[in-house]
Amino acid sequence: MRIVFMGTPDFAVPTLKALVAAGHEVVAAYSQPPRPAGRGKQLQPSAVHRAAEALDIPVRTPVSLKGADEQAQFAALDADVAVVAAYGLILPQPILAAPRHGCLNVHGSLLPRWRGAAPVQRAILAGDALTGVTIMQMERGLDTGPMLARVETPIAGKTAGELTTELAEKGAALMVAVLADLAGHPAVVQPEEGATYAHKIEKAESRLDFTRSAVEAERQVRAFAPAPGAFFEFEGERYRVLAADVVEGSGAPGETVDAALAIACGEGALRPTLIQRAGKPAMETAALLRGRAVPAGTSLG
């Protein structure tokens, strides 16, 4: 097939590579424009931008697709289908209608649950047992289009980083399978029952809330690992918690219940096992405590 690919972050790269490996002709890759990153705030191309260039695929990085000229250039690519994976820009109706088979999206949830920007993190925070990937025919609504295929996977204690990597690979394989047999994957209208919206993650959400149960706090840790990282503050310094266990313990929420950094929550206690101080590499909590003791009864915020 003649394909236009549209994606931006690491999540989208396996799908791009899988399309090429399957023998499809990817005539262009659309990605969000380079953004400032790193200490020098130099403009850096996206993960898809870099991957496409390595595959000798022309890259386009428009700020918007709303203009008539940009839409005409897209239509001129004469694509059989557009494959979209975490692109990050709204696709106007002329874009959605231009390819012969429309635009197919790789979405990291079991639609209609967790439509929107942060499906992986929201599934973890909610304590869902299962998530997965859905291949969806895009329409003007936000992740509301009919479904062509989906595959499930257990969350089972995985971090957002681990789950995103797994779903990216599953989504790539599923998209290739769908394109190999479009007729065998009829579109099914999404039910409205069970629909939820995965709002974008706000920075304030990554502060650990010890008034909640330890189970919920541990979900925060996994949902925000590796980035932005769930955190607490101690003596004016921010500590990112990258892994933690739920343990027995009680006390005022946010207060350490022993010298091994078990922190009392609204119910139970949370013991960080992998932690990172600002500007330092991540380390096991035991190693951190050897250099910076945190006595029982210390209040953390």
Foldseek 3Di string as FASTA:
>chain_A
DEEAEAAFAPLQLLLVVLCVVLPYHHQEYEAAFFFQDDPVRDTDGGPNVVSCVVVVHHYDHDNACPDPVNLVVLLVSAAQEYEYEHRPYQDDPSQQPRHVQGYKYKDWFDPLAAFEDQRLLVCLLVVPQKTWIWIFRDDRDGPQGFTQDIDMDTCVLAASVVSSVVRSNVSSVVVSVCVVCVVVRDTHGGDPPNHDYDDDDDPVLLAQAQQDAQSSSQSSLRSQPPPPARWWDDPRWIKGFNHKDFAADADPRQFAQAFQQFGHGNHGTIGGQWMDTPPGDIDGSVVVCVVPTDGGGGGID
